[in-house]
Amino acid sequence: MATATNGTAGPMINRRIDPALDRRRLILFFAGLIVLYVGVLLITRPVLGGGEAELEKFVVGVMLAPTVGAILACVFGPGLIRFGMPSW
């Protein structure tokens, strides 16, 4: 077991995987997701029932929204982005 370097007794906790920060990470992720969704819809203003041409206007922005949310959680969370199969 590693001890803290500042002289205090107790285990060193890695902030990037600290479960106490999970709520903050989730809030940042979903806030980024929702803000990007709304932003893409406001910028592109697709017409309902407009067919594929209207869908193509905002589909890339909607696909990028989870990436933006994950990056926000990683940078400001601080969090850890894991790709692939879950390891738990």
N, C-alpha and C. Protein backbone atom coordinates (compact mmCIF):
# COMPACT_ATOMS: atom_id res chain seq x y z
N MET A 1 0.85 -1.17 0.00
CA MET A 1 0.00 0.00 0.00
C MET A 1 0.90 1.24 0.00
N ALA A 2 0.64 2.15 -0.90
CA ALA A 2 1.42 3.38 -0.99
C ALA A 2 0.88 4.40 -0.01
N THR A 3 1.78 5.19 0.54
CA THR A 3 1.36 6.26 1.44
C THR A 3 1.48 7.59 0.73
N ALA A 4 0.78 8.57 1.24
CA ALA A 4 0.80 9.90 0.64
C ALA A 4 2.17 10.52 0.81
N THR A 5 2.55 11.35 -0.14
CA THR A 5 3.89 11.95 -0.10
C THR A 5 3.96 13.17 0.79
N ASN A 6 2.84 13.69 1.24
CA ASN A 6 2.87 14.89 2.07
C ASN A 6 3.05 14.58 3.55
N GLY A 7 3.35 13.35 3.90
CA GLY A 7 3.65 12.98 5.26
C GLY A 7 2.45 12.47 6.05
N THR A 8 1.25 12.55 5.50
CA THR A 8 0.09 12.07 6.21
C THR A 8 -0.03 10.56 6.04
N ALA A 9 -0.57 9.93 7.04
CA ALA A 9 -0.77 8.49 6.96
C ALA A 9 -2.03 8.20 6.17
N GLY A 10 -2.00 7.16 5.42
CA GLY A 10 -3.18 6.76 4.65
C GLY A 10 -2.81 6.50 3.21
N PRO A 11 -3.71 5.84 2.51
CA PRO A 11 -3.42 5.49 1.12
C PRO A 11 -3.52 6.70 0.19
N MET A 12 -2.73 6.66 -0.86
CA MET A 12 -2.78 7.69 -1.88
C MET A 12 -3.93 7.36 -2.82
N ILE A 13 -4.78 8.34 -3.13
CA ILE A 13 -5.93 8.11 -4.00
C ILE A 13 -5.70 8.81 -5.32
N ASN A 14 -5.82 8.06 -6.39
CA ASN A 14 -5.70 8.64 -7.72
C ASN A 14 -6.99 9.36 -8.04
N ARG A 15 -6.94 10.67 -8.27
CA ARG A 15 -8.14 11.46 -8.52
C ARG A 15 -8.85 11.05 -9.80
N ARG A 16 -8.14 10.48 -10.75
CA ARG A 16 -8.76 10.13 -12.02
C ARG A 16 -9.69 8.94 -11.91
N ILE A 17 -9.52 8.11 -10.89
CA ILE A 17 -10.40 6.96 -10.70
C ILE A 17 -11.09 6.97 -9.34
N ASP A 18 -11.07 8.11 -8.66
CA ASP A 18 -11.69 8.24 -7.35
C ASP A 18 -13.22 8.18 -7.49
N PRO A 19 -13.88 7.21 -6.85
CA PRO A 19 -15.34 7.10 -6.97
C PRO A 19 -16.09 8.31 -6.40
N ALA A 20 -15.46 9.08 -5.53
CA ALA A 20 -16.12 10.24 -4.95
C ALA A 20 -16.40 11.31 -6.01
N LEU A 21 -15.69 11.29 -7.12
CA LEU A 21 -15.88 12.28 -8.17
C LEU A 21 -16.80 11.79 -9.29
N ASP A 22 -17.40 10.62 -9.13
CA ASP A 22 -18.26 10.07 -10.19
C ASP A 22 -19.46 10.95 -10.50
N ARG A 23 -20.07 11.53 -9.48
CA ARG A 23 -21.24 12.39 -9.71
C ARG A 23 -20.85 13.59 -10.56
N ARG A 24 -19.71 14.19 -10.28
CA ARG A 24 -19.24 15.34 -11.05
C ARG A 24 -18.98 14.94 -12.50
N ARG A 25 -18.37 13.80 -12.70
CA ARG A 25 -18.09 13.32 -14.06
C ARG A 25 -19.38 13.10 -14.85
N LEU A 26 -20.36 12.48 -14.20
CA LEU A 26 -21.63 12.22 -14.88
C LEU A 26 -22.35 13.51 -15.23
N ILE A 27 -22.33 14.47 -14.31
CA ILE A 27 -22.97 15.76 -14.59
C ILE A 27 -22.28 16.44 -15.77
N LEU A 28 -20.97 16.44 -15.79
CA LEU A 28 -20.24 17.05 -16.91
C LEU A 28 -20.52 16.34 -18.22
N PHE A 29 -20.54 15.01 -18.19
CA PHE A 29 -20.80 14.24 -19.40
C PHE A 29 -22.17 14.57 -19.97
N PHE A 30 -23.20 14.47 -19.15
CA PHE A 30 -24.55 14.68 -19.65
C PHE A 30 -24.83 16.15 -19.97
N ALA A 31 -24.20 17.07 -19.25
CA ALA A 31 -24.35 18.48 -19.59
C ALA A 31 -23.76 18.77 -20.96
N GLY A 32 -22.57 18.24 -21.22
CA GLY A 32 -21.96 18.41 -22.54
C GLY A 32 -22.79 17.78 -23.63
N LEU A 33 -23.35 16.62 -23.35
CA LEU A 33 -24.19 15.91 -24.30
C LEU A 33 -25.42 16.74 -24.66
N ILE A 34 -26.13 17.21 -23.66
CA ILE A 34 -27.37 17.96 -23.89
C ILE A 34 -27.09 19.30 -24.55
N VAL A 35 -26.06 19.99 -24.09
CA VAL A 35 -25.74 21.30 -24.69
C VAL A 35 -25.38 21.14 -26.16
N LEU A 36 -24.62 20.12 -26.50
CA LEU A 36 -24.27 19.93 -27.92
C LEU A 36 -25.49 19.52 -28.74
N TYR A 37 -26.35 18.67 -28.19
CA TYR A 37 -27.58 18.31 -28.92
C TYR A 37 -28.42 19.55 -29.22
N VAL A 38 -28.65 20.36 -28.21
CA VAL A 38 -29.47 21.56 -28.39
C VAL A 38 -28.77 22.54 -29.33
N GLY A 39 -27.46 22.70 -29.17
CA GLY A 39 -26.73 23.60 -30.05
C GLY A 39 -26.80 23.18 -31.51
N VAL A 40 -26.65 21.89 -31.77
CA VAL A 40 -26.73 21.40 -33.15
C VAL A 40 -28.13 21.63 -33.71
N LEU A 41 -29.15 21.38 -32.92
CA LEU A 41 -30.51 21.61 -33.41
C LEU A 41 -30.80 23.08 -33.66
N LEU A 42 -30.26 23.97 -32.81
CA LEU A 42 -30.48 25.40 -33.01
C LEU A 42 -29.70 25.94 -34.21
N ILE A 43 -28.52 25.41 -34.44
CA ILE A 43 -27.70 25.89 -35.56
C ILE A 43 -28.23 25.39 -36.90
N THR A 44 -28.57 24.10 -36.96
CA THR A 44 -28.99 23.53 -38.24
C THR A 44 -30.46 23.77 -38.55
N ARG A 45 -31.29 23.88 -37.54
CA ARG A 45 -32.74 24.09 -37.69
C ARG A 45 -33.36 23.17 -38.75
N PRO A 46 -33.33 21.87 -38.51
CA PRO A 46 -33.91 20.95 -39.51
C PRO A 46 -35.44 21.07 -39.54
N VAL A 47 -35.99 20.86 -40.72
CA VAL A 47 -37.44 20.90 -40.91
C VAL A 47 -37.99 19.50 -40.65
N LEU A 48 -39.02 19.41 -39.81
CA LEU A 48 -39.61 18.11 -39.53
C LEU A 48 -40.28 17.56 -40.78
N GLY A 49 -40.05 16.31 -41.06
CA GLY A 49 -40.63 15.67 -42.25
C GLY A 49 -39.90 16.06 -43.52
N GLY A 50 -38.67 16.57 -43.41
CA GLY A 50 -37.92 17.02 -44.58
C GLY A 50 -37.15 15.92 -45.28
N GLY A 51 -37.17 14.72 -44.75
CA GLY A 51 -36.49 13.61 -45.39
C GLY A 51 -35.02 13.52 -45.02
N GLU A 52 -34.27 12.78 -45.83
CA GLU A 52 -32.86 12.52 -45.53
C GLU A 52 -32.00 13.77 -45.59
N ALA A 53 -32.34 14.69 -46.45
CA ALA A 53 -31.54 15.91 -46.57
C ALA A 53 -31.55 16.69 -45.26
N GLU A 54 -32.66 16.70 -44.57
CA GLU A 54 -32.75 17.41 -43.29
C GLU A 54 -32.03 16.63 -42.19
N LEU A 55 -32.08 15.30 -42.26
CA LEU A 55 -31.37 14.49 -41.27
C LEU A 55 -29.87 14.67 -41.37
N GLU A 56 -29.36 14.78 -42.58
CA GLU A 56 -27.93 14.92 -42.78
C GLU A 56 -27.38 16.21 -42.20
N LYS A 57 -28.24 17.19 -42.00
CA LYS A 57 -27.79 18.47 -41.45
C LYS A 57 -27.24 18.34 -40.04
N PHE A 58 -27.85 17.49 -39.23
CA PHE A 58 -27.44 17.44 -37.82
C PHE A 58 -26.93 16.09 -37.34
N VAL A 59 -26.88 15.09 -38.20
CA VAL A 59 -26.50 13.75 -37.74
C VAL A 59 -25.05 13.69 -37.27
N VAL A 60 -24.15 14.42 -37.88
CA VAL A 60 -22.74 14.39 -37.45
C VAL A 60 -22.60 15.03 -36.07
N GLY A 61 -23.29 16.13 -35.84
CA GLY A 61 -23.25 16.77 -34.53
C GLY A 61 -23.80 15.90 -33.43
N VAL A 62 -24.87 15.18 -33.74
CA VAL A 62 -25.47 14.28 -32.76
C VAL A 62 -24.53 13.10 -32.48
N MET A 63 -23.82 12.64 -33.50
CA MET A 63 -22.88 11.54 -33.31
C MET A 63 -21.66 11.97 -32.51
N LEU A 64 -21.27 13.23 -32.59
CA LEU A 64 -20.10 13.72 -31.86
C LEU A 64 -20.41 14.08 -30.41
N ALA A 65 -21.67 14.21 -30.06
CA ALA A 65 -22.05 14.65 -28.72
C ALA A 65 -21.49 13.75 -27.60
N PRO A 66 -21.55 12.42 -27.69
CA PRO A 66 -20.96 11.60 -26.62
C PRO A 66 -19.45 11.79 -26.49
N THR A 67 -18.78 12.04 -27.59
CA THR A 67 -17.34 12.28 -27.53
C THR A 67 -17.04 13.57 -26.79
N VAL A 68 -17.80 14.61 -27.09
CA VAL A 68 -17.60 15.89 -26.40
C VAL A 68 -17.88 15.74 -24.91
N GLY A 69 -18.94 15.02 -24.56
CA GLY A 69 -19.25 14.78 -23.15
C GLY A 69 -18.15 14.01 -22.44
N ALA A 70 -17.59 13.01 -23.10
CA ALA A 70 -16.51 12.21 -22.50
C ALA A 70 -15.26 13.04 -22.32
N ILE A 71 -14.95 13.89 -23.28
CA ILE A 71 -13.77 14.75 -23.15
C ILE A 71 -13.95 15.76 -22.02
N LEU A 72 -15.15 16.32 -21.88
CA LEU A 72 -15.41 17.23 -20.76
C LEU A 72 -15.23 16.52 -19.43
N ALA A 73 -15.76 15.30 -19.31
CA ALA A 73 -15.62 14.55 -18.07
C ALA A 73 -14.17 14.20 -17.80
N CYS A 74 -13.41 13.93 -18.83
CA CYS A 74 -12.00 13.57 -18.66
C CYS A 74 -11.16 14.78 -18.24
N VAL A 75 -11.39 15.91 -18.87
CA VAL A 75 -10.57 17.09 -18.61
C VAL A 75 -10.98 17.79 -17.32
N PHE A 76 -12.27 18.01 -17.12
CA PHE A 76 -12.72 18.79 -15.98
C PHE A 76 -13.23 17.94 -14.82
N GLY A 77 -13.30 16.61 -15.01
CA GLY A 77 -13.84 15.70 -14.00
C GLY A 77 -13.00 15.53 -12.76
N PRO A 78 -11.76 15.29 -12.72
CA PRO A 78 -11.01 14.65 -13.81
C PRO A 78 -11.42 13.20 -13.90
N GLY A 79 -11.46 12.69 -15.10
CA GLY A 79 -11.93 11.33 -15.29
C GLY A 79 -10.98 10.50 -16.13
N LEU A 80 -11.38 9.31 -16.39
CA LEU A 80 -10.59 8.37 -17.17
C LEU A 80 -11.50 7.80 -18.24
N ILE A 81 -11.10 7.96 -19.49
CA ILE A 81 -11.89 7.41 -20.59
C ILE A 81 -11.35 6.03 -20.91
N ARG A 82 -12.23 5.04 -20.89
CA ARG A 82 -11.84 3.67 -21.20
C ARG A 82 -12.57 3.24 -22.47
N PHE A 83 -11.82 2.72 -23.39
CA PHE A 83 -12.39 2.27 -24.66
C PHE A 83 -12.50 0.75 -24.66
N GLY A 84 -13.46 0.25 -25.38
CA GLY A 84 -13.59 -1.20 -25.52
C GLY A 84 -14.51 -1.80 -24.47
N MET A 85 -14.27 -3.05 -24.18
CA MET A 85 -15.11 -3.78 -23.24
C MET A 85 -14.90 -3.28 -21.82
N PRO A 86 -15.96 -3.22 -21.01
CA PRO A 86 -15.80 -2.85 -19.60
C PRO A 86 -14.89 -3.84 -18.88
N SER A 87 -14.12 -3.35 -17.94
CA SER A 87 -13.15 -4.21 -17.25
C SER A 87 -13.57 -4.52 -15.82
N TRP A 88 -14.81 -4.25 -15.45
CA TRP A 88 -15.19 -4.54 -14.08
C TRP A 88 -15.82 -5.86 -13.92
